[in-house]
Amino acid sequence: MDGLDDAALAKPFTRTGRSQSITAPLGDLIAHLVTHQNFHRGEIALLLTNAGASTGDIDYYDFILEDGG
């Protein structure tokens, strides 16, 4: 990421999925990648909580504190 400037983040990037392709600015696709995992983490946490299990500390902030930051 350090090597990407505004021009690189604005450059169109094509991602091909299972049955479709999408072209968007690279920066938008990176933002989607980062935020989309939060959606799935929330889904998993909800399923575990509804099943009576604890998800424990799942915040990234807690993770980096444990790792020495």
N, C-alpha and C. Protein backbone atom coordinates (compact mmCIF):
# COMPACT_ATOMS: atom_id res chain seq x y z
N MET A 1 0.82 -1.19 0.00
CA MET A 1 0.00 0.00 0.00
C MET A 1 0.87 1.26 0.00
N ASP A 2 2.00 1.21 0.66
CA ASP A 2 2.84 2.40 0.73
C ASP A 2 3.26 2.89 -0.64
N GLY A 3 3.38 2.00 -1.60
CA GLY A 3 3.83 2.38 -2.93
C GLY A 3 2.72 2.88 -3.84
N LEU A 4 1.49 2.89 -3.37
CA LEU A 4 0.37 3.32 -4.20
C LEU A 4 0.06 4.79 -3.98
N ASP A 5 0.12 5.57 -5.04
CA ASP A 5 -0.24 6.98 -4.95
C ASP A 5 -1.68 7.15 -5.43
N ASP A 6 -2.16 8.39 -5.43
CA ASP A 6 -3.54 8.65 -5.84
C ASP A 6 -3.83 8.17 -7.26
N ALA A 7 -2.86 8.34 -8.14
CA ALA A 7 -3.06 7.91 -9.53
C ALA A 7 -3.21 6.40 -9.61
N ALA A 8 -2.41 5.66 -8.85
CA ALA A 8 -2.51 4.20 -8.87
C ALA A 8 -3.83 3.73 -8.28
N LEU A 9 -4.30 4.39 -7.22
CA LEU A 9 -5.57 4.01 -6.59
C LEU A 9 -6.77 4.35 -7.48
N ALA A 10 -6.62 5.33 -8.36
CA ALA A 10 -7.70 5.71 -9.26
C ALA A 10 -7.73 4.89 -10.54
N LYS A 11 -6.66 4.15 -10.81
CA LYS A 11 -6.56 3.37 -12.04
C LYS A 11 -7.59 2.23 -12.05
N PRO A 12 -8.29 2.04 -13.16
CA PRO A 12 -9.27 0.95 -13.24
C PRO A 12 -8.59 -0.42 -13.05
N PHE A 13 -9.27 -1.26 -12.31
CA PHE A 13 -8.80 -2.62 -12.04
C PHE A 13 -9.96 -3.55 -12.30
N THR A 14 -9.71 -4.64 -12.98
CA THR A 14 -10.77 -5.62 -13.27
C THR A 14 -10.55 -6.86 -12.44
N ARG A 15 -11.61 -7.24 -11.73
CA ARG A 15 -11.61 -8.46 -10.94
C ARG A 15 -12.63 -9.40 -11.55
N THR A 16 -12.22 -10.62 -11.82
CA THR A 16 -13.11 -11.62 -12.38
C THR A 16 -13.50 -12.60 -11.29
N GLY A 17 -14.79 -12.72 -11.05
CA GLY A 17 -15.30 -13.63 -10.04
C GLY A 17 -15.78 -14.92 -10.66
N ARG A 18 -16.66 -15.59 -9.96
CA ARG A 18 -17.17 -16.89 -10.41
C ARG A 18 -17.87 -16.79 -11.77
N SER A 19 -18.73 -15.80 -11.90
CA SER A 19 -19.51 -15.72 -13.14
C SER A 19 -19.55 -14.31 -13.74
N GLN A 20 -18.82 -13.38 -13.14
CA GLN A 20 -18.86 -12.02 -13.64
C GLN A 20 -17.56 -11.30 -13.38
N SER A 21 -17.38 -10.20 -14.07
CA SER A 21 -16.22 -9.34 -13.87
C SER A 21 -16.71 -7.97 -13.45
N ILE A 22 -15.88 -7.29 -12.69
CA ILE A 22 -16.20 -5.92 -12.30
C ILE A 22 -14.95 -5.09 -12.49
N THR A 23 -15.14 -3.90 -13.04
CA THR A 23 -14.04 -2.96 -13.20
C THR A 23 -14.37 -1.72 -12.38
N ALA A 24 -13.44 -1.36 -11.52
CA ALA A 24 -13.61 -0.20 -10.65
C ALA A 24 -12.23 0.34 -10.30
N PRO A 25 -12.18 1.55 -9.76
CA PRO A 25 -10.88 2.05 -9.32
C PRO A 25 -10.27 1.11 -8.27
N LEU A 26 -8.99 0.90 -8.37
CA LEU A 26 -8.30 -0.01 -7.45
C LEU A 26 -8.56 0.36 -6.00
N GLY A 27 -8.57 1.65 -5.68
CA GLY A 27 -8.82 2.08 -4.31
C GLY A 27 -10.18 1.65 -3.80
N ASP A 28 -11.19 1.69 -4.67
CA ASP A 28 -12.54 1.24 -4.27
C ASP A 28 -12.55 -0.25 -3.99
N LEU A 29 -11.87 -1.02 -4.80
CA LEU A 29 -11.84 -2.46 -4.59
C LEU A 29 -11.07 -2.82 -3.31
N ILE A 30 -10.01 -2.09 -3.01
CA ILE A 30 -9.28 -2.32 -1.76
C ILE A 30 -10.17 -1.99 -0.56
N ALA A 31 -10.90 -0.87 -0.64
CA ALA A 31 -11.82 -0.51 0.44
C ALA A 31 -12.88 -1.59 0.63
N HIS A 32 -13.40 -2.12 -0.47
CA HIS A 32 -14.39 -3.19 -0.39
C HIS A 32 -13.80 -4.43 0.29
N LEU A 33 -12.59 -4.77 -0.07
CA LEU A 33 -11.94 -5.94 0.51
C LEU A 33 -11.82 -5.81 2.02
N VAL A 34 -11.43 -4.64 2.46
CA VAL A 34 -11.24 -4.40 3.89
C VAL A 34 -12.58 -4.43 4.63
N THR A 35 -13.60 -3.79 4.08
CA THR A 35 -14.87 -3.70 4.79
C THR A 35 -15.72 -4.96 4.66
N HIS A 36 -15.59 -5.68 3.57
CA HIS A 36 -16.43 -6.86 3.36
C HIS A 36 -16.15 -7.96 4.39
N GLN A 37 -14.91 -8.06 4.82
CA GLN A 37 -14.60 -9.08 5.83
C GLN A 37 -15.32 -8.78 7.14
N ASN A 38 -15.57 -7.51 7.42
CA ASN A 38 -16.31 -7.15 8.63
C ASN A 38 -17.74 -7.70 8.58
N PHE A 39 -18.33 -7.67 7.41
CA PHE A 39 -19.67 -8.21 7.23
C PHE A 39 -19.70 -9.69 7.60
N HIS A 40 -18.75 -10.45 7.07
CA HIS A 40 -18.73 -11.88 7.35
C HIS A 40 -18.36 -12.18 8.79
N ARG A 41 -17.47 -11.39 9.36
CA ARG A 41 -17.12 -11.59 10.77
C ARG A 41 -18.34 -11.37 11.65
N GLY A 42 -19.15 -10.37 11.31
CA GLY A 42 -20.38 -10.11 12.06
C GLY A 42 -21.38 -11.25 11.92
N GLU A 43 -21.50 -11.79 10.71
CA GLU A 43 -22.40 -12.93 10.50
C GLU A 43 -22.00 -14.12 11.36
N ILE A 44 -20.72 -14.42 11.36
CA ILE A 44 -20.21 -15.56 12.13
C ILE A 44 -20.41 -15.33 13.62
N ALA A 45 -20.15 -14.11 14.08
CA ALA A 45 -20.34 -13.80 15.50
C ALA A 45 -21.80 -13.97 15.90
N LEU A 46 -22.71 -13.52 15.05
CA LEU A 46 -24.14 -13.67 15.33
C LEU A 46 -24.54 -15.14 15.40
N LEU A 47 -24.08 -15.94 14.45
CA LEU A 47 -24.41 -17.36 14.45
C LEU A 47 -23.87 -18.06 15.70
N LEU A 48 -22.65 -17.75 16.08
CA LEU A 48 -22.07 -18.36 17.28
C LEU A 48 -22.82 -17.92 18.53
N THR A 49 -23.14 -16.64 18.63
CA THR A 49 -23.87 -16.12 19.79
C THR A 49 -25.24 -16.78 19.87
N ASN A 50 -25.94 -16.89 18.75
CA ASN A 50 -27.26 -17.53 18.74
C ASN A 50 -27.19 -19.00 19.10
N ALA A 51 -26.04 -19.62 18.87
CA ALA A 51 -25.86 -21.03 19.22
C ALA A 51 -25.37 -21.19 20.66
N GLY A 52 -25.22 -20.07 21.37
CA GLY A 52 -24.82 -20.13 22.77
C GLY A 52 -23.32 -20.14 22.99
N ALA A 53 -22.54 -19.91 21.96
CA ALA A 53 -21.09 -19.89 22.09
C ALA A 53 -20.60 -18.45 22.17
N SER A 54 -19.45 -18.28 22.78
CA SER A 54 -18.85 -16.95 22.85
C SER A 54 -17.86 -16.78 21.71
N THR A 55 -17.89 -15.62 21.11
CA THR A 55 -16.93 -15.34 20.05
C THR A 55 -15.59 -14.89 20.62
N GLY A 56 -15.56 -14.56 21.89
CA GLY A 56 -14.33 -14.06 22.48
C GLY A 56 -14.05 -12.66 21.96
N ASP A 57 -12.82 -12.24 22.11
CA ASP A 57 -12.42 -10.92 21.63
C ASP A 57 -12.12 -11.02 20.14
N ILE A 58 -13.00 -10.42 19.33
CA ILE A 58 -12.80 -10.50 17.89
C ILE A 58 -12.45 -9.15 17.28
N ASP A 59 -12.32 -8.12 18.12
CA ASP A 59 -11.96 -6.81 17.60
C ASP A 59 -10.50 -6.80 17.17
N TYR A 60 -10.23 -6.17 16.05
CA TYR A 60 -8.86 -6.08 15.56
C TYR A 60 -7.99 -5.35 16.57
N TYR A 61 -8.54 -4.34 17.22
CA TYR A 61 -7.79 -3.59 18.22
C TYR A 61 -7.29 -4.52 19.33
N ASP A 62 -8.15 -5.44 19.79
CA ASP A 62 -7.73 -6.41 20.81
C ASP A 62 -6.62 -7.31 20.28
N PHE A 63 -6.72 -7.68 19.02
CA PHE A 63 -5.71 -8.54 18.39
C PHE A 63 -4.35 -7.86 18.39
N ILE A 64 -4.30 -6.59 17.97
CA ILE A 64 -3.00 -5.93 17.92
C ILE A 64 -2.44 -5.67 19.31
N LEU A 65 -3.31 -5.48 20.31
CA LEU A 65 -2.81 -5.30 21.67
C LEU A 65 -2.19 -6.59 22.19
N GLU A 66 -2.81 -7.73 21.88
CA GLU A 66 -2.24 -9.02 22.29
C GLU A 66 -0.92 -9.29 21.63
N ASP A 67 -0.80 -8.84 20.37
CA ASP A 67 0.40 -9.09 19.58
C ASP A 67 1.53 -8.11 19.90
N GLY A 68 1.26 -7.17 20.77
CA GLY A 68 2.28 -6.20 21.12
C GLY A 68 2.24 -4.96 20.27
N GLY A 69 1.24 -4.89 19.39
CA GLY A 69 0.92 -3.73 18.64
C GLY A 69 1.83 -3.17 17.69
